[in-house]
């Protein structure tokens, strides 16, 4: 056990030790999930043969008592643990999602009970504040002098509002221009508390946006192509996904190819090479592309002009384009070197 873990453990046991009644110790331990999973008021009341409301009253009374003792220095272990948490929070932007703070303090991926212990300590420590978890926010801890839980939630909502109004993902620097914060690191720390936001490749957006929170193979393909900003072979796309930061990235080349064929966002522009339709590429054969180019032109075009325009949207050999031009049912030769639609 590392030094931080030992101090956290002593702070928890030191706090529980000053609770005189064994039943009240049990209530606090079970409500915070210090040993096992967190339990509801109903679950605890039923097992102790008391009402839900009585459990809530006892919990509240015990926590107030512990907070007073901690503030008066009667639980010295809390002060030692608080210093560790504050030191880490300063490095993390003054506020942090509970899971990230716990992992940093312990230096490893923490268990549910280890995270619960840190949340318990933060609830008692005067210099810390906690944000309770709900549908909008992750359980989080911050340095109290920089704002209470209501203030922090308001800042989270402000960031969400700015991104929503922008209608597209934003970098921390772009957010910094819209917000009055001391440093982009603090914006990152606050944004990470929100369950409505996600981040990928240095940009932040709403969790429902595939560009920052890809949930299926097609979305991941889109993110890879958009980040590269140039057409890619389907096998290269598969390799990029495998080496990415995506949560699930075990994909086969065949699966990637199948998804590319199905989705209208992707356009085949060469032998196994795909681009995004939003870049101006359109589906169709080389003959379809030539026909479209000629129909848009107000005059016949030379072979060179046709080849040049086709190569802008397709990665094919020049001879392939010239062979398609020989289709007399589709294209009419005006003179030695000019063509129009038949």
Protein backbone atom coordinates (compact mmCIF):
# COMPACT_ATOMS: atom_id res chain seq x y z
CA UNK A 1 0.00 0.00 0.00
CA UNK A 2 1.45 3.40 -0.97
CA UNK A 3 1.71 6.31 1.47
CA UNK A 4 -1.35 8.13 0.15
CA UNK A 5 -3.48 5.00 0.44
CA UNK A 6 -2.33 4.50 4.02
CA UNK A 7 -3.25 8.08 4.96
CA UNK A 8 -6.68 7.76 3.31
CA UNK A 9 -7.31 4.48 5.15
CA UNK A 10 -6.40 6.04 8.51
CA UNK A 11 -8.67 9.03 7.83
CA UNK A 12 -11.63 6.73 7.19
CA UNK A 13 -11.02 4.52 10.23
CA UNK A 14 -10.27 7.57 12.41
CA UNK A 15 -13.60 9.14 11.41
CA UNK A 16 -15.63 6.00 12.01
CA UNK A 17 -13.91 5.46 15.36
CA UNK A 18 -15.32 8.67 16.86
CA UNK A 19 -18.89 7.59 16.06
CA UNK A 20 -20.05 6.15 19.37
CA UNK A 21 -23.00 4.04 18.27
CA UNK A 22 -22.22 0.92 16.26
CA UNK A 23 -25.51 1.25 14.38
CA UNK A 24 -24.58 4.78 13.26
CA UNK A 25 -21.15 3.58 12.13
CA UNK A 26 -22.88 0.95 10.04
CA UNK A 27 -25.26 3.50 8.51
CA UNK A 28 -22.43 5.81 7.44
CA UNK A 29 -20.33 2.95 6.09
CA UNK A 30 -23.22 1.52 4.07
CA UNK A 31 -24.52 4.88 2.83
CA UNK A 32 -21.10 5.81 1.40
CA UNK A 33 -20.21 2.27 0.32
CA UNK A 34 -16.98 2.20 2.28
CA UNK A 35 -16.86 -1.59 2.33
CA UNK A 36 -19.22 -2.71 -0.40
CA UNK A 37 -21.57 -0.95 -2.78
CA UNK A 38 -23.45 2.18 -1.71
CA UNK A 39 -26.89 1.35 -0.27
CA UNK A 40 -30.15 3.28 -0.28
CA UNK A 41 -32.00 4.59 2.76
CA UNK A 42 -34.69 1.97 2.17
CA UNK A 43 -32.22 -0.93 2.05
CA UNK A 44 -30.51 0.11 5.28
CA UNK A 45 -33.79 0.88 7.08
CA UNK A 46 -35.24 -2.47 6.17
CA UNK A 47 -32.23 -4.41 7.45
CA UNK A 48 -32.06 -2.36 10.69
CA UNK A 49 -35.85 -2.41 11.21
CA UNK A 50 -36.16 1.40 11.20
CA UNK A 51 -37.83 3.78 8.77
CA UNK A 52 -36.18 5.37 5.75
CA UNK A 53 -36.64 8.78 7.33
CA UNK A 54 -34.94 7.67 10.55
CA UNK A 55 -31.93 6.46 8.57
CA UNK A 56 -31.75 9.84 6.80
CA UNK A 57 -31.94 11.72 10.15
CA UNK A 58 -29.20 9.62 11.73
CA UNK A 59 -26.96 9.99 8.66
CA UNK A 60 -27.36 13.75 8.62
CA UNK A 61 -26.75 14.12 12.36
CA UNK A 62 -23.63 11.96 12.29
CA UNK A 63 -22.15 13.81 9.29
CA UNK A 64 -22.69 17.20 10.92
CA UNK A 65 -21.02 15.92 14.08
CA UNK A 66 -18.06 14.56 12.11
CA UNK A 67 -17.70 17.79 10.11
CA UNK A 68 -17.55 19.82 13.31
CA UNK A 69 -14.98 17.50 14.84
CA UNK A 70 -12.88 17.60 11.67
CA UNK A 71 -13.00 21.40 11.52
CA UNK A 72 -11.95 21.63 15.18
CA UNK A 73 -9.01 19.31 14.54
CA UNK A 74 -10.49 16.47 16.58
CA UNK A 75 -9.95 14.07 13.69
CA UNK A 76 -6.32 14.80 12.71
CA UNK A 77 -6.32 12.03 10.13
CA UNK A 78 -8.85 14.03 8.07
CA UNK A 79 -6.50 17.01 7.92
CA UNK A 80 -3.66 14.83 6.62
CA UNK A 81 -5.90 13.27 3.97
CA UNK A 82 -7.31 16.68 2.98
CA UNK A 83 -3.80 17.97 2.23
CA UNK A 84 -3.20 15.07 -0.15
CA UNK A 85 -6.47 15.66 -1.99
CA UNK A 86 -5.91 19.43 -2.24
CA UNK A 87 -2.38 18.94 -3.56
CA UNK A 88 -3.64 16.64 -6.30
CA UNK A 89 -6.60 18.87 -7.13
CA UNK A 90 -4.28 21.86 -7.63
CA UNK A 91 -2.45 19.84 -10.29
CA UNK A 92 -5.73 18.75 -11.90
CA UNK A 93 -7.38 22.16 -12.27
CA UNK A 94 -8.87 22.59 -8.75
CA UNK A 95 -11.83 20.32 -9.42
CA UNK A 96 -12.00 16.74 -10.64
CA UNK A 97 -14.29 13.85 -11.38
CA UNK A 98 -14.08 11.51 -8.37
CA UNK A 99 -12.78 8.54 -10.37
CA UNK A 100 -9.93 10.56 -11.91
CA UNK A 101 -8.90 12.06 -8.57
CA UNK A 102 -8.97 8.67 -6.85
CA UNK A 103 -6.86 7.07 -9.58
CA UNK A 104 -4.29 9.85 -9.28
CA UNK A 105 -4.14 9.67 -5.49
CA UNK A 106 -3.79 5.88 -5.44
CA UNK A 107 -1.64 5.71 -8.57
CA UNK A 108 -3.81 2.98 -10.09
CA UNK A 109 -7.31 2.14 -11.29
CA UNK A 110 -9.31 2.31 -8.08
CA UNK A 111 -12.13 0.14 -6.79
CA UNK A 112 -15.62 1.39 -5.92
CA UNK A 113 -14.86 1.30 -2.19
CA UNK A 114 -11.58 3.21 -2.63
CA UNK A 115 -13.39 5.96 -4.52
CA UNK A 116 -16.13 5.96 -1.88
CA UNK A 117 -13.53 6.52 0.83
CA UNK A 118 -12.17 9.62 -0.87
CA UNK A 119 -15.70 10.96 -1.38
CA UNK A 120 -16.41 10.37 2.34
CA UNK A 121 -13.28 12.28 3.38
CA UNK A 122 -14.14 15.18 1.05
CA UNK A 123 -17.63 15.36 2.59
CA UNK A 124 -16.09 15.91 6.02
CA UNK A 125 -13.13 18.18 5.12
CA UNK A 126 -13.84 21.91 5.37
CA UNK A 127 -11.43 22.76 2.55
CA UNK A 128 -13.17 20.51 0.05
CA UNK A 129 -16.56 20.44 -1.64
CA UNK A 130 -18.42 17.61 -3.34
CA UNK A 131 -20.76 17.47 -6.34
CA UNK A 132 -23.29 14.67 -6.02
CA UNK A 133 -23.77 12.41 -9.02
CA UNK A 134 -26.98 12.66 -11.04
CA UNK A 135 -28.07 12.53 -14.70
CA UNK A 136 -26.07 15.68 -15.57
CA UNK A 137 -22.94 15.47 -13.41
CA UNK A 138 -20.40 12.87 -12.35
CA UNK A 139 -19.55 12.58 -8.65
CA UNK A 140 -16.79 15.16 -8.24
CA UNK A 141 -14.56 16.88 -5.67
CA UNK A 142 -13.15 20.39 -5.70
CA UNK A 143 -11.24 22.88 -3.57
CA UNK A 144 -13.89 24.76 -1.58
CA UNK A 145 -12.33 28.23 -1.84
CA UNK A 146 -12.91 28.20 -5.61
CA UNK A 147 -16.64 27.62 -5.30
CA UNK A 148 -19.28 25.41 -3.72
CA UNK A 149 -21.13 22.65 -5.53
CA UNK A 150 -23.80 25.04 -6.84
CA UNK A 151 -21.14 27.33 -8.32
CA UNK A 152 -19.31 24.46 -9.99
CA UNK A 153 -22.52 23.05 -11.47
CA UNK A 154 -23.29 26.50 -12.85
CA UNK A 155 -19.88 26.61 -14.55
CA UNK A 156 -20.44 23.17 -16.04
CA UNK A 157 -23.79 24.30 -17.44
CA UNK A 158 -22.16 27.41 -18.87
CA UNK A 159 -19.62 25.35 -20.82
CA UNK A 160 -22.35 23.03 -22.11
CA UNK A 161 -24.36 26.07 -23.24
CA UNK A 162 -21.42 27.58 -25.15
CA UNK A 163 -20.70 24.30 -26.97
CA UNK A 164 -24.38 23.74 -27.75
CA UNK A 165 -24.70 27.24 -29.25
CA UNK A 166 -21.55 26.68 -31.31
CA UNK A 167 -23.19 23.57 -32.83
CA UNK A 168 -19.82 21.88 -33.35
CA UNK A 169 -16.94 20.65 -31.15
CA UNK A 170 -14.53 23.23 -29.70
CA UNK A 171 -10.94 23.19 -28.49
CA UNK A 172 -10.05 24.41 -25.00
CA UNK A 173 -8.52 27.55 -26.52
CA UNK A 174 -11.75 28.26 -28.41
CA UNK A 175 -13.72 27.80 -25.20
CA UNK A 176 -11.27 30.02 -23.37
CA UNK A 177 -12.09 32.87 -25.77
CA UNK A 178 -15.78 32.57 -24.92
CA UNK A 179 -15.40 32.13 -21.15
CA UNK A 180 -13.91 34.19 -18.36
CA UNK A 181 -11.68 31.55 -16.75
CA UNK A 182 -8.12 31.83 -15.48
CA UNK A 183 -6.72 29.03 -17.63
CA UNK A 184 -7.89 26.43 -20.20
CA UNK A 185 -6.87 23.68 -17.74
CA UNK A 186 -9.64 24.80 -15.41
CA UNK A 187 -12.13 24.67 -18.29
CA UNK A 188 -11.01 21.10 -19.01
CA UNK A 189 -11.39 20.15 -15.34
CA UNK A 190 -14.90 21.61 -15.08
CA UNK A 191 -16.03 20.19 -18.44
CA UNK A 192 -14.95 16.68 -17.42
CA UNK A 193 -17.57 16.73 -14.65
CA UNK A 194 -20.43 16.94 -17.16
CA UNK A 195 -22.19 13.80 -18.37
CA UNK A 196 -23.46 15.84 -21.32
CA UNK A 197 -19.97 16.43 -22.72
CA UNK A 198 -17.31 14.21 -24.28
CA UNK A 199 -13.82 14.87 -25.59
CA UNK A 200 -11.71 13.29 -28.33
CA UNK A 201 -8.52 14.40 -30.08
CA UNK A 202 -8.35 17.67 -28.16
CA UNK A 203 -11.89 18.92 -28.83
CA UNK A 204 -15.01 18.99 -26.65
CA UNK A 205 -18.59 18.43 -27.77
CA UNK A 206 -21.94 17.00 -26.73
CA UNK A 207 -21.96 13.28 -25.96
CA UNK A 208 -24.56 12.75 -28.71
CA UNK A 209 -22.10 14.03 -31.35
CA UNK A 210 -20.26 11.12 -33.07
CA UNK A 211 -17.21 13.31 -33.72
CA UNK A 212 -16.32 13.30 -30.00
CA UNK A 213 -18.20 10.21 -28.83
CA UNK A 214 -18.25 7.59 -31.62
CA UNK A 215 -20.37 4.64 -30.57
CA UNK A 216 -20.24 2.34 -33.60
CA UNK A 217 -17.81 1.42 -36.38
CA UNK A 218 -19.26 3.90 -38.86
CA UNK A 219 -18.84 6.80 -36.45
CA UNK A 220 -15.25 5.76 -35.77
CA UNK A 221 -14.51 5.64 -39.50
CA UNK A 222 -15.96 9.14 -39.82
CA UNK A 223 -13.77 10.45 -36.99
CA UNK A 224 -10.62 8.91 -38.52
CA UNK A 225 -11.28 10.35 -41.99
CA UNK A 226 -12.26 13.75 -40.61
CA UNK A 227 -9.12 13.96 -38.46
CA UNK A 228 -6.85 12.97 -41.37
CA UNK A 229 -8.66 15.35 -43.77
CA UNK A 230 -7.72 13.27 -46.79
CA UNK A 231 -8.92 10.07 -48.51
CA UNK A 232 -7.68 6.78 -47.03
CA UNK A 233 -7.59 3.11 -47.99
CA UNK A 234 -9.99 0.99 -45.93
CA UNK A 235 -7.13 -1.13 -44.54
CA UNK A 236 -5.36 2.02 -43.29
CA UNK A 237 -8.60 3.15 -41.65
CA UNK A 238 -8.77 -0.19 -39.81
CA UNK A 239 -5.19 0.22 -38.55
CA UNK A 240 -5.91 3.77 -37.36
CA UNK A 241 -8.93 2.58 -35.37
CA UNK A 242 -6.88 -0.20 -33.75
CA UNK A 243 -4.25 2.30 -32.58
CA UNK A 244 -6.76 4.98 -31.51
CA UNK A 245 -8.09 6.03 -28.10
CA UNK A 246 -11.55 4.64 -28.82
CA UNK A 247 -13.10 2.50 -26.09
CA UNK A 248 -13.72 -0.46 -28.38
CA UNK A 249 -11.21 -0.72 -31.21
CA UNK A 250 -10.91 -4.41 -32.07
CA UNK A 251 -12.16 -4.33 -35.66
CA UNK A 252 -11.48 -6.38 -38.77
CA UNK A 253 -10.57 -4.95 -42.16
CA UNK A 254 -13.61 -6.68 -43.65
CA UNK A 255 -15.94 -5.08 -41.10
CA UNK A 256 -14.54 -1.65 -41.95
CA UNK A 257 -15.03 -2.27 -45.68
CA UNK A 258 -18.62 -3.41 -45.14
CA UNK A 259 -19.51 -0.28 -43.17
CA UNK A 260 -17.87 2.02 -45.73
CA UNK A 261 -20.08 0.55 -48.45
CA UNK A 262 -23.31 1.00 -46.46
CA UNK A 263 -22.95 4.61 -45.26
CA UNK A 264 -23.68 7.54 -47.59
CA UNK A 265 -21.13 9.68 -45.75
CA UNK A 266 -18.34 7.67 -47.40
CA UNK A 267 -17.50 7.75 -51.10
CA UNK A 268 -15.31 5.25 -52.97
CA UNK A 269 -12.92 7.33 -55.06
CA UNK A 270 -10.32 4.74 -56.04
CA UNK A 271 -9.29 1.14 -55.50
CA UNK A 272 -10.32 0.68 -51.85
CA UNK A 273 -9.83 4.42 -51.20
CA UNK A 274 -12.62 6.33 -49.48
CA UNK A 275 -13.38 9.99 -48.80
CA UNK A 276 -16.13 11.93 -47.04
CA UNK A 277 -19.05 13.14 -49.11
CA UNK A 278 -18.88 16.42 -47.15
CA UNK A 279 -15.59 17.12 -48.94
CA UNK A 280 -17.46 17.41 -52.23
CA UNK A 281 -17.07 13.83 -53.42
CA UNK A 282 -20.08 12.10 -54.98
CA UNK A 283 -20.91 8.45 -55.51
CA UNK A 284 -20.88 7.08 -59.05
CA UNK A 285 -18.74 5.45 -61.73
CA UNK A 286 -16.03 7.28 -63.66
CA UNK A 287 -18.49 7.64 -66.52
CA UNK A 288 -21.02 9.20 -64.12
CA UNK A 289 -18.40 11.69 -62.93
CA UNK A 290 -17.41 12.63 -66.51
CA UNK A 291 -21.06 13.10 -67.45
CA UNK A 292 -21.68 15.31 -64.41
CA UNK A 293 -18.63 17.45 -65.26
CA UNK A 294 -19.72 17.90 -68.90
CA UNK A 295 -23.34 18.70 -67.95
CA UNK A 296 -22.18 21.46 -65.63
CA UNK A 297 -19.94 22.99 -68.28
CA UNK A 298 -21.41 25.58 -70.66
CA UNK A 299 -19.06 24.43 -73.42
CA UNK A 300 -17.29 21.25 -74.62
CA UNK A 301 -14.20 20.32 -72.62
CA UNK A 302 -10.84 19.00 -73.76
CA UNK A 303 -9.49 15.62 -72.68
CA UNK A 304 -6.98 17.39 -70.44
CA UNK A 305 -9.68 19.47 -68.73
CA UNK A 306 -11.87 16.41 -68.17
CA UNK A 307 -8.98 14.37 -66.76
CA UNK A 308 -7.98 17.21 -64.44
CA UNK A 309 -11.48 17.60 -63.02
CA UNK A 310 -12.06 13.86 -62.59
CA UNK A 311 -8.77 13.46 -60.70
CA UNK A 312 -9.96 16.05 -58.20
CA UNK A 313 -12.67 13.66 -57.02
CA UNK A 314 -11.33 10.24 -57.94
CA UNK A 315 -8.00 8.49 -57.45
CA UNK A 316 -7.75 6.55 -60.70
CA UNK A 317 -5.32 6.21 -63.59
CA UNK A 318 -5.57 8.71 -66.43
CA UNK A 319 -6.01 5.87 -68.91
CA UNK A 320 -9.17 4.74 -67.04
CA UNK A 321 -10.70 8.17 -67.60
CA UNK A 322 -9.74 8.23 -71.28
CA UNK A 323 -11.19 4.74 -71.83
CA UNK A 324 -14.52 5.86 -70.39
CA UNK A 325 -14.51 8.86 -72.71
CA UNK A 326 -14.60 6.47 -75.66
CA UNK A 327 -18.15 5.40 -74.77
CA UNK A 328 -20.03 6.87 -77.75
CA UNK A 329 -23.41 6.21 -76.14
CA UNK A 330 -22.54 8.63 -73.36
CA UNK A 331 -20.04 11.11 -74.83
CA UNK A 332 -19.79 12.89 -78.14
CA UNK A 333 -16.48 13.94 -79.64
CA UNK A 334 -16.76 17.49 -81.06
CA UNK A 335 -13.37 17.77 -82.66
CA UNK A 336 -9.97 16.11 -82.29
CA UNK A 337 -9.72 16.91 -78.60
CA UNK A 338 -13.10 18.13 -77.23
CA UNK A 339 -16.08 16.27 -75.77
CA UNK A 340 -19.68 16.90 -74.70
CA UNK A 341 -22.58 14.75 -73.53
CA UNK A 342 -24.00 12.50 -76.25
